[in-house]
Amino acid sequence: MKCLALAWLLAQPVLGGGGLVGYGIYPYEPPCAYACLRSLGSLMLECSSHEEMPSGMSHGPGMTSPECRAGDTPWLTTLAWCIKKECAEYHVPVSKLEGFWEKESTESPAVPPKWSYSTSLQKISKSLTQQLTPTDEYLNTTSIVDPSVYLAQYNALTAVYRENLVEAGFGIAILVAGFGIPMALTWLGYVPYMSGLLDKVKPYLVYQTIVGTYHVRPLPYLLGNAPTMGQGLYMLVFFILNLILTAVNYKTQQPHAWYATRAKEITAYIFYRTGVFAFVLLPLLILFSSRNNFLLWMTNWSHSTYMLLHRWVARMFALQALLHTLLALPLYYPAEAKKEYWIWGAVATVATMIMVFASGLYVRRFAYEAFLISHILLAAFVIVGCWYHIKYWIGLVWGYEVWLEIACGVWFFDRLVRVGRILKTGLRRSKVTDLGNGYIRVDFPGIRWASELGNHVYAYFPALNPLRPWENHPFSAVPTALLSHLGSGVN
């Protein structure tokens, strides 16, 4: 029941919002009409203002307003003719073209054009002979769109849509593999005749450590904890999956309105994909670190295993984010460097790199509370930075924010269950006994839990730290019967 509730909660960003590209979101539809619009977008009209603008900008405040486009006859008739001509081979319904016209023909849904799409076509009284050229700057008569300009715009829109569709599908595959592999391997043990076979291979392929005798005890110089063979195999499969899906299924379409060469086009698509895959890893990254990770309820993997996997997924997330940042430099630097989306992206990347290097075992061993607080704050900077990065870049319309919403849903679910557990148990008075050699015994009267191997509790001590009531620490839970003959509670 818990798992069904969590699945419903995590699905809400996708079901309640727009979804992902190809899964609820269909941008540039129909592409032939959008390509016509983009082909004419940079041309000045008779009603355009003639203020000087920075070079390279097509139009914006002070140039051609939606009101200007709404009432300009050459703009409406030229756009309508282009749509009629270019969309004919795709058999786009007139109703769909009319819908596009109402929303996009003035480049503002709030400003309707003076004529409908059909009326604009009727206003063209003679056969068109005037054709625009790629170097034209003005549109003052009904004209034919330059074929090379249209093709470059059409290729750009359809190629970028295709890449986003591939990214969304691959992203879903990565996420499903991330939490599906532990469940599949656990449930495999319940298949007839498989439990005996698994018991034979586990000592060699699951429990054995990769590096000598290092697993519970840290590696030399506090470099970390070596994974077991099973943990290492999971990370190897997951890394290979990420690598393959980052490297395959690219398609170029030249001429391209955004990228002049195939090399730049491929670079841009890898840039897009690494950014999306970093977003995809965020929900898994937070899930593995959660105390109330639903995989703990559905698999036989331990919390310590998920914490180790959390650190390795975090490194993969950092690698994807770093690649995304480095690939952005040859494409957009320095032209975009002062824009808000770029700055917020840099904030998220820098916070990620700091987290990676400030989360080593040496930091956690010697300053755990400082590590924990800084880790949470830096994680908040990463999430907020990613959110504003896409908001200021393209807006919250392409579905990139869905991955962040799922990640936040995982985090809030964990915190909500923590609060629920505290309310269920209530405030208790405890008795603390120093056992020596760094061990203490904490007795909580009136609490009974089943005796299971590896049981532990997270205890809060607000009376000891009234200024930091959120601090809590794990304690091993031991049956009282093992310590005395008084009752069967668990302390």
Protein backbone atom coordinates (compact mmCIF):
# COMPACT_ATOMS: atom_id res chain seq x y z
CA MET A 1 0.00 0.00 0.00
CA LYS A 2 2.87 2.35 0.82
CA CYS A 3 4.42 1.66 -2.58
CA LEU A 4 1.17 2.35 -4.44
CA ALA A 5 0.76 5.62 -2.58
CA LEU A 6 4.31 6.66 -3.42
CA ALA A 7 3.90 5.70 -7.08
CA TRP A 8 0.75 7.82 -7.27
CA LEU A 9 2.55 10.74 -5.61
CA LEU A 10 5.52 10.58 -7.97
CA ALA A 11 3.27 10.31 -11.03
CA GLN A 12 1.43 13.55 -10.26
CA PRO A 13 3.99 15.89 -11.89
CA VAL A 14 3.69 13.93 -15.14
CA LEU A 15 -0.06 13.29 -15.01
CA GLY A 16 -1.07 16.68 -13.64
CA GLY A 17 1.33 18.74 -15.72
CA GLY A 18 2.22 18.67 -19.37
CA GLY A 19 4.45 15.59 -19.18
CA LEU A 20 7.52 15.16 -21.38
CA VAL A 21 8.18 15.83 -25.05
CA GLY A 22 6.39 13.08 -26.95
CA TYR A 23 4.55 12.05 -23.77
CA GLY A 24 1.95 14.79 -23.41
CA ILE A 25 3.98 17.67 -24.88
CA TYR A 26 4.18 18.16 -28.65
CA PRO A 27 6.05 21.39 -29.47
CA TYR A 28 6.25 22.91 -32.94
CA GLU A 29 3.06 21.21 -34.06
CA PRO A 30 2.55 21.46 -36.98
CA PRO A 31 6.24 21.99 -37.80
CA CYS A 32 5.55 23.26 -41.32
CA ALA A 33 3.54 26.19 -39.91
CA TYR A 34 6.12 26.99 -37.24
CA ALA A 35 8.88 26.88 -39.87
CA CYS A 36 6.97 29.47 -41.91
CA LEU A 37 6.60 31.66 -38.84
CA ARG A 38 10.30 31.39 -38.00
CA SER A 39 11.27 32.10 -41.63
CA LEU A 40 9.52 35.48 -41.49
CA GLY A 41 10.14 36.39 -37.87
CA SER A 42 13.24 38.55 -38.43
CA LEU A 43 11.74 40.73 -41.19
CA MET A 44 10.78 44.33 -40.45
CA LEU A 45 7.25 45.50 -41.31
CA GLU A 46 5.93 48.96 -42.19
CA CYS A 47 4.61 49.34 -38.65
CA SER A 48 7.85 48.15 -37.02
CA SER A 49 9.83 50.61 -34.94
CA HIS A 50 13.31 51.32 -36.24
CA GLU A 51 15.25 51.60 -33.01
CA GLU A 52 18.74 50.19 -33.19
CA MET A 53 19.07 46.86 -31.46
CA PRO A 54 22.13 44.73 -30.66
CA SER A 55 23.34 42.79 -33.68
CA GLY A 56 22.13 39.24 -34.00
CA MET A 57 18.68 39.83 -32.47
CA SER A 58 15.73 39.03 -34.71
CA HIS A 59 13.04 41.12 -33.07
CA GLY A 60 12.00 42.11 -29.62
CA PRO A 61 10.72 45.08 -27.59
CA GLY A 62 10.95 48.21 -29.73
CA MET A 63 10.97 46.36 -33.08
CA THR A 64 7.89 44.47 -34.25
CA SER A 65 5.07 44.18 -31.73
CA PRO A 66 2.24 41.62 -31.81
CA GLU A 67 -0.19 44.47 -32.47
CA CYS A 68 1.87 45.43 -35.51
CA ARG A 69 1.77 41.89 -36.88
CA ALA A 70 -1.95 41.57 -36.13
CA GLY A 71 -2.81 44.42 -38.47
CA ASP A 72 -0.13 44.12 -41.16
CA THR A 73 -1.52 42.75 -44.43
CA PRO A 74 1.78 41.58 -46.04
CA TRP A 75 2.69 39.72 -42.84
CA LEU A 76 -0.63 37.87 -42.60
CA THR A 77 -0.96 37.04 -46.30
CA THR A 78 2.68 35.95 -46.70
CA LEU A 79 2.48 33.75 -43.61
CA ALA A 80 -0.85 32.25 -44.73
CA TRP A 81 0.47 31.49 -48.23
CA CYS A 82 3.61 29.83 -46.84
CA ILE A 83 1.52 27.66 -44.50
CA LYS A 84 -0.85 26.65 -47.30
CA LYS A 85 2.01 25.79 -49.66
CA GLU A 86 4.33 23.98 -47.23
CA CYS A 87 1.74 22.11 -45.17
CA ALA A 88 -0.14 20.74 -48.17
CA GLU A 89 2.14 17.72 -48.56
CA TYR A 90 1.63 16.77 -44.89
CA HIS A 91 -2.19 16.89 -45.18
CA VAL A 92 -2.54 19.00 -42.04
CA PRO A 93 -6.26 19.62 -41.30
CA VAL A 94 -7.43 23.19 -41.80
CA SER A 95 -8.82 23.17 -38.26
CA LYS A 96 -5.33 22.53 -36.91
CA LEU A 97 -3.89 25.34 -39.03
CA GLU A 98 -6.63 27.68 -37.80
CA GLY A 99 -5.75 26.75 -34.22
CA PHE A 100 -2.09 27.51 -34.88
CA TRP A 101 -3.08 30.80 -36.51
CA GLU A 102 -5.11 31.97 -33.53
CA LYS A 103 -2.28 31.29 -31.07
CA GLU A 104 0.89 32.02 -33.03
CA SER A 105 0.32 34.25 -36.07
CA THR A 106 1.00 37.45 -34.09
CA GLU A 107 3.53 35.71 -31.80
CA SER A 108 1.23 36.47 -28.86
CA PRO A 109 -1.92 34.45 -28.03
CA ALA A 110 -3.32 37.55 -26.30
CA VAL A 111 -3.32 39.57 -29.54
CA PRO A 112 -5.65 38.15 -32.23
CA PRO A 113 -4.95 38.86 -35.92
CA LYS A 114 -7.36 41.02 -37.89
CA TRP A 115 -8.09 38.10 -40.24
CA SER A 116 -8.40 34.37 -39.77
CA TYR A 117 -6.15 31.97 -41.67
CA SER A 118 -8.80 31.29 -44.31
CA THR A 119 -9.63 34.98 -44.72
CA SER A 120 -5.95 35.85 -45.13
CA LEU A 121 -5.70 33.37 -48.00
CA GLN A 122 -8.78 34.88 -49.64
CA LYS A 123 -7.16 38.33 -49.54
CA ILE A 124 -4.44 37.11 -51.93
CA SER A 125 -6.04 38.22 -55.20
CA LYS A 126 -3.36 37.27 -57.72
CA SER A 127 -0.67 34.72 -58.37
CA LEU A 128 2.47 35.42 -56.34
CA THR A 129 5.73 36.12 -58.15
CA GLN A 130 7.68 38.08 -55.54
CA GLN A 131 10.08 35.78 -53.65
CA LEU A 132 12.10 36.74 -50.62
CA THR A 133 15.85 36.16 -50.44
CA PRO A 134 17.96 35.12 -47.43
CA THR A 135 19.37 38.67 -47.18
CA ASP A 136 16.03 40.54 -47.19
CA GLU A 137 15.31 42.66 -44.12
CA TYR A 138 11.84 44.05 -44.92
CA LEU A 139 8.46 42.60 -45.81
CA ASN A 140 6.22 45.18 -47.50
CA THR A 141 4.26 43.06 -49.97
CA THR A 142 2.81 39.56 -50.11
CA SER A 143 5.74 37.31 -50.99
CA ILE A 144 6.92 33.72 -51.28
CA VAL A 145 9.21 32.55 -48.49
CA ASP A 146 12.74 31.70 -49.63
CA PRO A 147 12.93 27.87 -49.90
CA SER A 148 16.42 27.65 -48.37
CA VAL A 149 15.39 29.74 -45.36
CA TYR A 150 12.27 27.63 -44.85
CA LEU A 151 14.20 24.36 -45.15
CA ALA A 152 16.78 25.47 -42.57
CA GLN A 153 14.02 26.42 -40.12
CA TYR A 154 12.05 23.22 -40.76
CA ASN A 155 15.15 21.08 -40.23
CA ALA A 156 15.97 22.90 -37.00
CA LEU A 157 12.52 22.46 -35.50
CA THR A 158 12.03 18.81 -36.50
CA ALA A 159 15.58 17.78 -35.57
CA VAL A 160 15.39 19.40 -32.13
CA TYR A 161 11.97 17.86 -31.54
CA ARG A 162 13.34 14.44 -32.49
CA GLU A 163 16.28 14.82 -30.12
CA ASN A 164 13.97 15.82 -27.26
CA LEU A 165 11.76 12.82 -27.99
CA VAL A 166 14.78 10.50 -27.85
CA GLU A 167 15.99 12.14 -24.62
CA ALA A 168 12.62 11.67 -22.93
CA GLY A 169 12.41 7.99 -23.90
CA PHE A 170 16.00 7.28 -22.87
CA GLY A 171 15.48 9.21 -19.63
CA ILE A 172 12.50 7.06 -18.71
CA ALA A 173 14.58 3.95 -19.49
CA ILE A 174 17.40 5.11 -17.19
CA LEU A 175 15.03 5.88 -14.34
CA VAL A 176 13.14 2.59 -14.70
CA ALA A 177 16.42 0.65 -14.83
CA GLY A 178 17.71 2.49 -11.78
CA PHE A 179 14.96 1.39 -9.44
CA GLY A 180 13.78 -1.62 -11.45
CA ILE A 181 17.01 -3.64 -11.27
CA PRO A 182 16.94 -3.98 -7.44
CA MET A 183 13.29 -5.05 -7.55
CA ALA A 184 13.84 -7.52 -10.39
CA LEU A 185 16.84 -9.14 -8.70
CA THR A 186 14.97 -9.41 -5.40
CA TRP A 187 11.86 -10.90 -6.96
CA LEU A 188 14.02 -13.30 -8.96
CA GLY A 189 14.76 -15.06 -5.70
CA TYR A 190 11.09 -16.03 -5.39
CA VAL A 191 11.03 -17.78 -8.77
CA PRO A 192 10.93 -21.59 -8.38
CA TYR A 193 14.38 -23.26 -8.41
CA MET A 194 16.13 -19.86 -8.46
CA SER A 195 16.66 -19.41 -4.73
CA GLY A 196 19.10 -22.33 -4.51
CA LEU A 197 21.06 -21.15 -7.53
CA LEU A 198 21.27 -17.60 -6.16
CA ASP A 199 22.50 -18.90 -2.79
CA LYS A 200 25.39 -20.59 -4.59
CA VAL A 201 26.50 -17.58 -6.65
CA LYS A 202 25.96 -14.84 -4.03
CA PRO A 203 29.22 -15.52 -2.14
CA TYR A 204 31.15 -14.96 -5.38
CA LEU A 205 29.09 -12.40 -7.34
CA VAL A 206 27.30 -10.47 -4.59
CA TYR A 207 28.91 -10.50 -1.15
CA GLN A 208 32.60 -10.54 -2.03
CA THR A 209 34.28 -7.13 -1.92
CA ILE A 210 35.98 -5.72 -5.00
CA VAL A 211 39.09 -4.50 -3.16
CA GLY A 212 40.69 -7.08 -0.85
CA THR A 213 39.08 -7.04 2.58
CA TYR A 214 37.89 -3.45 2.37
CA HIS A 215 34.17 -2.89 2.57
CA VAL A 216 32.92 -2.25 6.08
CA ARG A 217 36.29 -0.78 6.96
CA PRO A 218 37.29 2.17 4.77
CA LEU A 219 39.97 2.22 2.12
CA PRO A 220 43.39 3.62 3.04
CA TYR A 221 43.56 7.40 3.54
CA LEU A 222 39.77 7.43 4.04
CA LEU A 223 39.18 7.30 0.28
CA GLY A 224 35.79 5.70 0.88
CA ASN A 225 34.25 2.25 1.12
CA ALA A 226 34.91 -0.33 -1.57
CA PRO A 227 31.71 -1.76 -3.06
CA THR A 228 30.91 -5.44 -2.99
CA MET A 229 30.78 -7.40 -6.24
CA GLY A 230 27.00 -7.07 -6.35
CA GLN A 231 27.08 -3.32 -5.78
CA GLY A 232 29.88 -2.96 -8.31
CA LEU A 233 27.97 -4.95 -10.93
CA TYR A 234 24.91 -2.74 -10.45
CA MET A 235 26.97 0.42 -10.91
CA LEU A 236 28.80 -1.06 -13.91
CA VAL A 237 25.52 -1.92 -15.65
CA PHE A 238 24.07 1.48 -14.77
CA PHE A 239 27.18 3.33 -15.98
CA ILE A 240 27.28 1.38 -19.26
CA LEU A 241 23.57 2.10 -19.81
CA ASN A 242 24.17 5.84 -19.28
CA LEU A 243 27.20 5.78 -21.55
CA ILE A 244 25.42 3.98 -24.38
CA LEU A 245 22.29 6.12 -24.21
CA THR A 246 24.43 9.27 -24.15
CA ALA A 247 26.35 8.17 -27.24
CA VAL A 248 23.77 6.69 -29.64
CA ASN A 249 20.84 7.66 -31.87
CA TYR A 250 21.85 11.11 -33.09
CA LYS A 251 20.65 12.40 -36.44
CA THR A 252 21.72 15.60 -38.18
CA GLN A 253 19.58 17.62 -40.57
CA GLN A 254 21.43 20.20 -42.65
CA PRO A 255 20.95 23.00 -43.54
CA HIS A 256 20.10 23.92 -39.96
CA ALA A 257 18.94 27.38 -38.87
CA TRP A 258 20.65 27.14 -35.48
CA TYR A 259 23.86 25.22 -36.18
CA ALA A 260 25.80 25.80 -39.39
CA THR A 261 27.76 22.53 -39.44
CA ARG A 262 27.10 18.89 -38.60
CA ALA A 263 29.82 19.01 -35.94
CA LYS A 264 28.11 21.88 -34.13
CA GLU A 265 24.74 20.20 -34.48
CA ILE A 266 25.97 16.94 -32.94
CA THR A 267 27.74 18.89 -30.18
CA ALA A 268 24.48 20.67 -29.41
CA TYR A 269 22.51 17.43 -29.21
CA ILE A 270 25.06 15.86 -26.84
CA PHE A 271 24.88 19.09 -24.84
CA TYR A 272 21.08 18.77 -24.63
CA ARG A 273 21.17 15.09 -23.74
CA THR A 274 23.77 15.30 -20.97
CA GLY A 275 21.74 18.08 -19.34
CA VAL A 276 18.53 16.06 -19.49
CA PHE A 277 20.23 12.90 -18.21
CA ALA A 278 21.59 14.86 -15.24
CA PHE A 279 18.00 15.89 -14.46
CA VAL A 280 16.87 12.26 -14.87
CA LEU A 281 19.38 11.06 -12.27
CA LEU A 282 18.19 13.53 -9.61
CA PRO A 283 15.09 11.55 -8.48
CA LEU A 284 17.15 8.35 -8.23
CA LEU A 285 19.92 10.20 -6.43
CA ILE A 286 17.55 11.51 -3.76
CA LEU A 287 15.60 8.24 -3.53
CA PHE A 288 18.72 6.20 -2.73
CA SER A 289 19.67 8.57 0.09
CA SER A 290 16.19 8.57 1.66
CA ARG A 291 15.49 6.75 4.90
CA ASN A 292 11.98 6.08 3.64
CA ASN A 293 13.15 4.76 0.29
CA PHE A 294 10.32 2.58 -1.07
CA LEU A 295 12.97 0.21 -2.46
CA LEU A 296 13.80 -0.71 1.14
CA TRP A 297 10.24 -2.05 1.44
CA MET A 298 10.23 -3.83 -1.94
CA THR A 299 13.71 -5.37 -2.02
CA ASN A 300 16.13 -7.17 0.29
CA TRP A 301 18.86 -4.57 -0.27
CA SER A 302 20.11 -2.74 2.82
CA HIS A 303 20.08 0.99 3.51
CA SER A 304 23.89 1.00 3.53
CA THR A 305 23.84 -0.45 0.00
CA TYR A 306 21.55 2.30 -1.22
CA MET A 307 23.73 4.93 0.46
CA LEU A 308 26.78 3.59 -1.37
CA LEU A 309 24.83 3.59 -4.65
CA HIS A 310 23.67 7.12 -3.85
CA ARG A 311 27.29 8.28 -3.82
CA TRP A 312 28.07 6.59 -7.14
CA VAL A 313 24.92 7.90 -8.84
CA ALA A 314 25.89 11.34 -7.52
CA ARG A 315 29.25 11.05 -9.26
CA MET A 316 27.49 10.09 -12.48
CA PHE A 317 25.14 13.05 -12.07
CA ALA A 318 28.14 15.34 -11.57
CA LEU A 319 29.82 13.91 -14.68
CA GLN A 320 26.74 14.53 -16.84
CA ALA A 321 26.37 18.06 -15.44
CA LEU A 322 30.05 18.80 -16.06
CA LEU A 323 29.87 17.52 -19.65
CA HIS A 324 26.76 19.63 -20.22
CA THR A 325 28.59 22.72 -18.96
CA LEU A 326 31.78 22.10 -20.95
CA LEU A 327 29.84 21.49 -24.18
CA ALA A 328 27.96 24.76 -23.68
CA LEU A 329 31.18 26.78 -23.85
CA PRO A 330 32.01 26.35 -27.57
CA LEU A 331 28.34 26.72 -28.50
CA TYR A 332 27.22 29.76 -26.51
CA TYR A 333 30.11 31.37 -24.66
CA PRO A 334 30.58 34.33 -24.29
CA ALA A 335 27.38 35.48 -26.05
CA GLU A 336 25.06 33.95 -23.42
CA ALA A 337 27.30 34.20 -20.36
CA LYS A 338 25.53 37.19 -18.78
CA LYS A 339 22.01 35.84 -19.18
CA GLU A 340 20.08 34.67 -16.14
CA TYR A 341 19.64 31.08 -17.32
CA TRP A 342 23.40 30.74 -17.82
CA ILE A 343 24.17 32.16 -14.38
CA TRP A 344 21.73 29.82 -12.63
CA GLY A 345 23.12 26.87 -14.56
CA ALA A 346 26.60 27.84 -13.40
CA VAL A 347 25.33 28.03 -9.81
CA ALA A 348 23.95 24.48 -10.03
CA THR A 349 27.15 23.13 -11.61
CA VAL A 350 29.46 24.78 -9.07
CA ALA A 351 27.30 23.56 -6.17
CA THR A 352 27.41 20.04 -7.62
CA MET A 353 31.20 20.04 -7.90
CA ILE A 354 31.56 21.32 -4.33
CA MET A 355 29.24 18.57 -3.08
CA VAL A 356 31.26 15.87 -4.82
CA PHE A 357 34.57 16.93 -3.30
CA ALA A 358 33.14 17.91 0.09
CA SER A 359 31.33 14.61 0.61
CA GLY A 360 34.33 12.35 1.01
CA LEU A 361 34.65 9.97 3.91
CA TYR A 362 37.33 12.17 5.45
CA VAL A 363 34.81 15.04 5.75
CA ARG A 364 31.98 12.84 7.00
CA ARG A 365 34.24 11.16 9.56
CA PHE A 366 35.62 14.33 11.14
CA ALA A 367 32.78 16.86 10.76
CA TYR A 368 29.58 14.96 10.09
CA GLU A 369 27.10 17.61 11.28
CA ALA A 370 28.84 20.30 9.23
CA PHE A 371 28.85 17.96 6.25
CA LEU A 372 25.14 17.19 6.64
CA ILE A 373 24.02 20.81 6.87
CA SER A 374 26.25 21.93 4.00
CA HIS A 375 25.11 18.92 1.94
CA ILE A 376 21.44 19.86 2.32
CA LEU A 377 22.11 23.54 1.55
CA LEU A 378 24.18 22.73 -1.53
CA ALA A 379 21.52 20.26 -2.72
CA ALA A 380 18.96 23.06 -2.42
CA PHE A 381 21.21 25.30 -4.54
CA VAL A 382 21.45 22.53 -7.16
CA ILE A 383 17.66 22.05 -7.36
CA VAL A 384 16.89 25.78 -7.36
CA GLY A 385 19.69 26.46 -9.84
CA CYS A 386 18.39 23.79 -12.21
CA TRP A 387 14.83 25.09 -11.91
CA TYR A 388 15.70 28.69 -12.76
CA HIS A 389 18.16 27.51 -15.40
CA ILE A 390 15.34 26.03 -17.47
CA LYS A 391 12.78 28.67 -16.47
CA TYR A 392 14.90 31.55 -17.78
CA TRP A 393 16.17 29.55 -20.76
CA ILE A 394 13.05 28.14 -22.37
CA GLY A 395 10.30 28.38 -19.76
CA LEU A 396 8.49 25.60 -17.95
CA VAL A 397 6.82 24.28 -21.11
CA TRP A 398 9.10 21.52 -22.47
CA GLY A 399 8.78 19.08 -19.57
CA TYR A 400 12.33 19.40 -18.25
CA GLU A 401 10.89 20.56 -14.93
CA VAL A 402 9.08 17.21 -14.51
CA TRP A 403 12.32 15.49 -13.45
CA LEU A 404 12.88 18.20 -10.82
CA GLU A 405 9.29 17.89 -9.60
CA ILE A 406 9.70 14.13 -9.18
CA ALA A 407 12.97 14.68 -7.29
CA CYS A 408 11.27 17.19 -4.97
CA GLY A 409 8.36 14.76 -4.55
CA VAL A 410 10.76 12.04 -3.38
CA TRP A 411 12.39 14.43 -0.90
CA PHE A 412 9.08 15.71 0.52
CA PHE A 413 7.70 12.18 0.79
CA ASP A 414 10.71 11.14 2.87
CA ARG A 415 10.31 14.16 5.18
CA LEU A 416 6.57 13.63 5.47
CA VAL A 417 7.02 10.01 6.55
CA ARG A 418 9.69 11.08 9.05
CA VAL A 419 7.24 13.50 10.64
CA GLY A 420 4.57 10.80 10.65
CA ARG A 421 6.88 8.35 12.42
CA ILE A 422 7.75 10.96 15.06
CA LEU A 423 4.07 11.76 15.67
CA LYS A 424 3.27 8.05 15.90
CA THR A 425 5.99 7.37 18.47
CA GLY A 426 5.56 10.64 20.35
CA LEU A 427 7.92 12.32 22.80
CA ARG A 428 9.72 9.96 25.19
CA ARG A 429 12.03 10.24 28.14
CA SER A 430 15.12 8.07 27.80
CA LYS A 431 17.77 6.74 30.13
CA VAL A 432 21.34 6.98 28.82
CA THR A 433 24.09 4.69 30.17
CA ASP A 434 27.77 5.02 29.27
CA LEU A 435 29.08 1.53 28.52
CA GLY A 436 32.66 2.65 27.90
CA ASN A 437 34.89 2.37 24.82
CA GLY A 438 32.70 4.84 22.93
CA TYR A 439 29.45 2.89 23.39
CA ILE A 440 26.29 4.13 25.08
CA ARG A 441 23.01 2.43 25.87
CA VAL A 442 19.74 4.37 25.50
CA ASP A 443 16.59 2.87 27.06
CA PHE A 444 13.16 4.01 25.81
CA PRO A 445 10.47 2.57 28.09
CA GLY A 446 7.12 1.61 26.62
CA ILE A 447 8.27 1.06 23.02
CA ARG A 448 8.16 -2.42 21.52
CA TRP A 449 9.35 -3.45 18.07
CA ALA A 450 9.92 -6.84 16.54
CA SER A 451 13.40 -8.22 16.97
CA GLU A 452 15.10 -8.33 13.56
CA LEU A 453 18.72 -8.47 12.51
CA GLY A 454 20.03 -5.00 11.65
CA ASN A 455 17.17 -3.09 13.30
CA HIS A 456 18.00 0.52 14.04
CA VAL A 457 16.18 3.70 14.99
CA TYR A 458 16.82 7.38 14.38
CA ALA A 459 16.53 9.24 17.67
CA TYR A 460 16.09 13.00 18.13
CA PHE A 461 17.33 14.66 21.32
CA PRO A 462 15.84 18.18 21.34
CA ALA A 463 16.53 18.56 25.07
CA LEU A 464 20.29 18.17 24.43
CA ASN A 465 20.34 20.53 21.42
CA PRO A 466 17.39 22.94 21.76
CA LEU A 467 18.83 25.16 19.02
CA ARG A 468 19.16 22.19 16.64
CA PRO A 469 16.08 20.05 17.27
CA TRP A 470 16.29 18.52 13.80
CA GLU A 471 19.51 16.65 14.59
CA ASN A 472 19.09 12.89 14.84
CA HIS A 473 21.36 9.86 14.84
CA PRO A 474 20.94 6.12 14.14
CA PHE A 475 21.06 3.68 17.05
CA SER A 476 21.14 -0.12 16.89
CA ALA A 477 17.98 -1.63 18.38
CA VAL A 478 18.62 -4.56 20.74
CA PRO A 479 15.92 -6.76 22.33
CA THR A 480 15.74 -6.14 26.07
CA ALA A 481 15.56 -9.91 26.59
CA LEU A 482 19.16 -10.19 25.49
CA LEU A 483 20.21 -7.71 28.18
CA SER A 484 18.01 -8.74 31.07
CA HIS A 485 15.02 -10.90 31.94
CA LEU A 486 12.68 -7.92 32.31
CA GLY A 487 10.14 -7.91 29.46
CA SER A 488 10.62 -8.26 25.73
CA GLY A 489 10.78 -4.65 24.54
CA VAL A 490 13.43 -3.29 22.23
CA ASN A 491 15.75 -0.49 23.34
